Amino acid sequence: IIHASDGFDSATKEIGLWFNESELASYEPCTWGQIMADN
């Protein structure tokens, strides 16, 4: 199942409904620097 929120505020609220802080992890793909280099 995949779900996407319509914005930052609703995403923050929805994440808080289902997860606590200890269940979250930061993630950045290894190619993120290359993707964002020109942006």
PDB file of N, CA and C in Angstrom:
ATOM      1  N   ILE A   1       0.846  -1.161   0.000  1.00  0.00           N
ATOM      2  CA  ILE A   1       0.000   0.000   0.000  1.00  0.00           C
ATOM      3  C   ILE A   1       0.894   1.228   0.000  1.00  0.00           C
ATOM      4  N   ILE A   2       0.569   2.180  -0.853  1.00  0.00           N
ATOM      5  CA  ILE A   2       1.308   3.437  -0.934  1.00  0.00           C
ATOM      6  C   ILE A   2       0.346   4.583  -0.676  1.00  0.00           C
ATOM      7  N   HIS A   3       0.807   5.558   0.073  1.00  0.00           N
ATOM      8  CA  HIS A   3      -0.016   6.730   0.364  1.00  0.00           C
ATOM      9  C   HIS A   3       0.837   7.975   0.238  1.00  0.00           C
ATOM     10  N   ALA A   4       0.265   9.018  -0.298  1.00  0.00           N
ATOM     11  CA  ALA A   4       0.959  10.303  -0.377  1.00  0.00           C
ATOM     12  C   ALA A   4       0.045  11.392   0.158  1.00  0.00           C
ATOM     13  N   SER A   5       0.611  12.313   0.882  1.00  0.00           N
ATOM     14  CA  SER A   5      -0.145  13.445   1.417  1.00  0.00           C
ATOM     15  C   SER A   5      -0.154  14.574   0.395  1.00  0.00           C
ATOM     16  N   ASP A   6      -1.064  15.508   0.568  1.00  0.00           N
ATOM     17  CA  ASP A   6      -1.172  16.620  -0.378  1.00  0.00           C
ATOM     18  C   ASP A   6      -0.292  17.810  -0.021  1.00  0.00           C
ATOM     19  N   GLY A   7       0.430  17.735   1.063  1.00  0.00           N
ATOM     20  CA  GLY A   7       1.312  18.833   1.437  1.00  0.00           C
ATOM     21  C   GLY A   7       2.092  18.523   2.693  1.00  0.00           C
ATOM     22  N   PHE A   8       3.011  19.417   3.022  1.00  0.00           N
ATOM     23  CA  PHE A   8       3.884  19.212   4.174  1.00  0.00           C
ATOM     24  C   PHE A   8       3.103  19.122   5.480  1.00  0.00           C
ATOM     25  N   ASP A   9       2.159  20.036   5.680  1.00  0.00           N
ATOM     26  CA  ASP A   9       1.407  20.061   6.942  1.00  0.00           C
ATOM     27  C   ASP A   9       0.585  18.796   7.145  1.00  0.00           C
ATOM     28  N   SER A  10      -0.107  18.353   6.103  1.00  0.00           N
ATOM     29  CA  SER A  10      -0.912  17.136   6.256  1.00  0.00           C
ATOM     30  C   SER A  10      -0.019  15.906   6.400  1.00  0.00           C
ATOM     31  N   ALA A  11       1.138  15.894   5.738  1.00  0.00           N
ATOM     32  CA  ALA A  11       2.072  14.774   5.892  1.00  0.00           C
ATOM     33  C   ALA A  11       2.584  14.683   7.322  1.00  0.00           C
ATOM     34  N   THR A  12       2.938  15.822   7.898  1.00  0.00           N
ATOM     35  CA  THR A  12       3.412  15.854   9.282  1.00  0.00           C
ATOM     36  C   THR A  12       2.345  15.329  10.230  1.00  0.00           C
ATOM     37  N   LYS A  13       1.116  15.741  10.023  1.00  0.00           N
ATOM     38  CA  LYS A  13       0.006  15.281  10.865  1.00  0.00           C
ATOM     39  C   LYS A  13      -0.206  13.778  10.714  1.00  0.00           C
ATOM     40  N   GLU A  14      -0.229  13.293   9.476  1.00  0.00           N
ATOM     41  CA  GLU A  14      -0.491  11.877   9.222  1.00  0.00           C
ATOM     42  C   GLU A  14       0.634  10.986   9.752  1.00  0.00           C
ATOM     43  N   ILE A  15       1.867  11.406   9.601  1.00  0.00           N
ATOM     44  CA  ILE A  15       2.992  10.631  10.136  1.00  0.00           C
ATOM     45  C   ILE A  15       2.862  10.511  11.646  1.00  0.00           C
ATOM     46  N   GLY A  16       2.461  11.603  12.297  1.00  0.00           N
ATOM     47  CA  GLY A  16       2.273  11.596  13.747  1.00  0.00           C
ATOM     48  C   GLY A  16       1.159  10.673  14.208  1.00  0.00           C
ATOM     49  N   LEU A  17       0.192  10.422  13.339  1.00  0.00           N
ATOM     50  CA  LEU A  17      -0.898   9.507  13.695  1.00  0.00           C
ATOM     51  C   LEU A  17      -0.441   8.054  13.735  1.00  0.00           C
ATOM     52  N   TRP A  18       0.528   7.709  12.904  1.00  0.00           N
ATOM     53  CA  TRP A  18       0.899   6.306  12.728  1.00  0.00           C
ATOM     54  C   TRP A  18       2.249   5.918  13.314  1.00  0.00           C
ATOM     55  N   PHE A  19       3.134   6.883  13.531  1.00  0.00           N
ATOM     56  CA  PHE A  19       4.493   6.570  13.978  1.00  0.00           C
ATOM     57  C   PHE A  19       4.895   7.459  15.141  1.00  0.00           C
ATOM     58  N   ASN A  20       5.779   6.929  16.000  1.00  0.00           N
ATOM     59  CA  ASN A  20       6.380   7.791  17.013  1.00  0.00           C
ATOM     60  C   ASN A  20       7.811   8.103  16.567  1.00  0.00           C
ATOM     61  N   GLU A  21       8.445   9.041  17.229  1.00  0.00           N
ATOM     62  CA  GLU A  21       9.757   9.539  16.809  1.00  0.00           C
ATOM     63  C   GLU A  21      10.805   8.430  16.686  1.00  0.00           C
ATOM     64  N   SER A  22      10.758   7.437  17.556  1.00  0.00           N
ATOM     65  CA  SER A  22      11.768   6.370  17.520  1.00  0.00           C
ATOM     66  C   SER A  22      11.603   5.440  16.322  1.00  0.00           C
ATOM     67  N   GLU A  23      10.481   5.495  15.641  1.00  0.00           N
ATOM     68  CA  GLU A  23      10.237   4.639  14.481  1.00  0.00           C
ATOM     69  C   GLU A  23      10.619   5.310  13.158  1.00  0.00           C
ATOM     70  N   LEU A  24      11.053   6.552  13.210  1.00  0.00           N
ATOM     71  CA  LEU A  24      11.397   7.293  12.002  1.00  0.00           C
ATOM     72  C   LEU A  24      12.904   7.333  11.815  1.00  0.00           C
ATOM     73  N   ALA A  25      13.326   7.367  10.565  1.00  0.00           N
ATOM     74  CA  ALA A  25      14.748   7.446  10.241  1.00  0.00           C
ATOM     75  C   ALA A  25      14.942   8.432   9.102  1.00  0.00           C
ATOM     76  N   SER A  26      16.062   9.108   9.101  1.00  0.00           N
ATOM     77  CA  SER A  26      16.401   9.995   7.990  1.00  0.00           C
ATOM     78  C   SER A  26      16.889   9.149   6.832  1.00  0.00           C
ATOM     79  N   TYR A  27      16.576   9.576   5.636  1.00  0.00           N
ATOM     80  CA  TYR A  27      17.013   8.835   4.456  1.00  0.00           C
ATOM     81  C   TYR A  27      17.339   9.818   3.346  1.00  0.00           C
ATOM     82  N   GLU A  28      18.495   9.639   2.757  1.00  0.00           N
ATOM     83  CA  GLU A  28      18.878  10.419   1.594  1.00  0.00           C
ATOM     84  C   GLU A  28      19.546   9.472   0.601  1.00  0.00           C
ATOM     85  N   PRO A  29      18.987   9.331  -0.600  1.00  0.00           N
ATOM     86  CA  PRO A  29      19.593   8.431  -1.590  1.00  0.00           C
ATOM     87  C   PRO A  29      21.036   8.842  -1.892  1.00  0.00           C
ATOM     88  N   CYS A  30      21.874   7.890  -2.216  1.00  0.00           N
ATOM     89  CA  CYS A  30      23.281   8.191  -2.478  1.00  0.00           C
ATOM     90  C   CYS A  30      23.450   9.091  -3.702  1.00  0.00           C
ATOM     91  N   THR A  31      22.477   9.140  -4.581  1.00  0.00           N
ATOM     92  CA  THR A  31      22.557   9.984  -5.775  1.00  0.00           C
ATOM     93  C   THR A  31      21.946  11.367  -5.568  1.00  0.00           C
ATOM     94  N   TRP A  32      21.459  11.660  -4.366  1.00  0.00           N
ATOM     95  CA  TRP A  32      20.765  12.924  -4.107  1.00  0.00           C
ATOM     96  C   TRP A  32      21.658  14.135  -4.407  1.00  0.00           C
ATOM     97  N   GLY A  33      22.922  14.070  -4.015  1.00  0.00           N
ATOM     98  CA  GLY A  33      23.843  15.173  -4.276  1.00  0.00           C
ATOM     99  C   GLY A  33      24.009  15.440  -5.762  1.00  0.00           C
ATOM    100  N   GLN A  34      24.066  14.391  -6.564  1.00  0.00           N
ATOM    101  CA  GLN A  34      24.183  14.551  -8.011  1.00  0.00           C
ATOM    102  C   GLN A  34      22.899  15.124  -8.603  1.00  0.00           C
ATOM    103  N   ILE A  35      21.770  14.666  -8.115  1.00  0.00           N
ATOM    104  CA  ILE A  35      20.480  15.133  -8.628  1.00  0.00           C
ATOM    105  C   ILE A  35      20.291  16.610  -8.319  1.00  0.00           C
ATOM    106  N   MET A  36      20.638  17.018  -7.105  1.00  0.00           N
ATOM    107  CA  MET A  36      20.395  18.390  -6.670  1.00  0.00           C
ATOM    108  C   MET A  36      21.536  19.354  -7.008  1.00  0.00           C
ATOM    109  N   ALA A  37      22.636  18.863  -7.552  1.00  0.00           N
ATOM    110  CA  ALA A  37      23.801  19.704  -7.827  1.00  0.00           C
ATOM    111  C   ALA A  37      23.475  20.860  -8.769  1.00  0.00           C
ATOM    112  N   ASP A  38      22.643  20.626  -9.735  1.00  0.00           N
ATOM    113  CA  ASP A  38      22.313  21.660 -10.722  1.00  0.00           C
ATOM    114  C   ASP A  38      21.050  22.424 -10.377  1.00  0.00           C
ATOM    115  N   ASN A  39      20.422  22.092  -9.272  1.00  0.00           N
ATOM    116  CA  ASN A  39      19.157  22.747  -8.919  1.00  0.00           C
ATOM    117  C   ASN A  39      19.367  23.763  -7.851  1.00  0.00           C
TER     118      ASN A  39
END
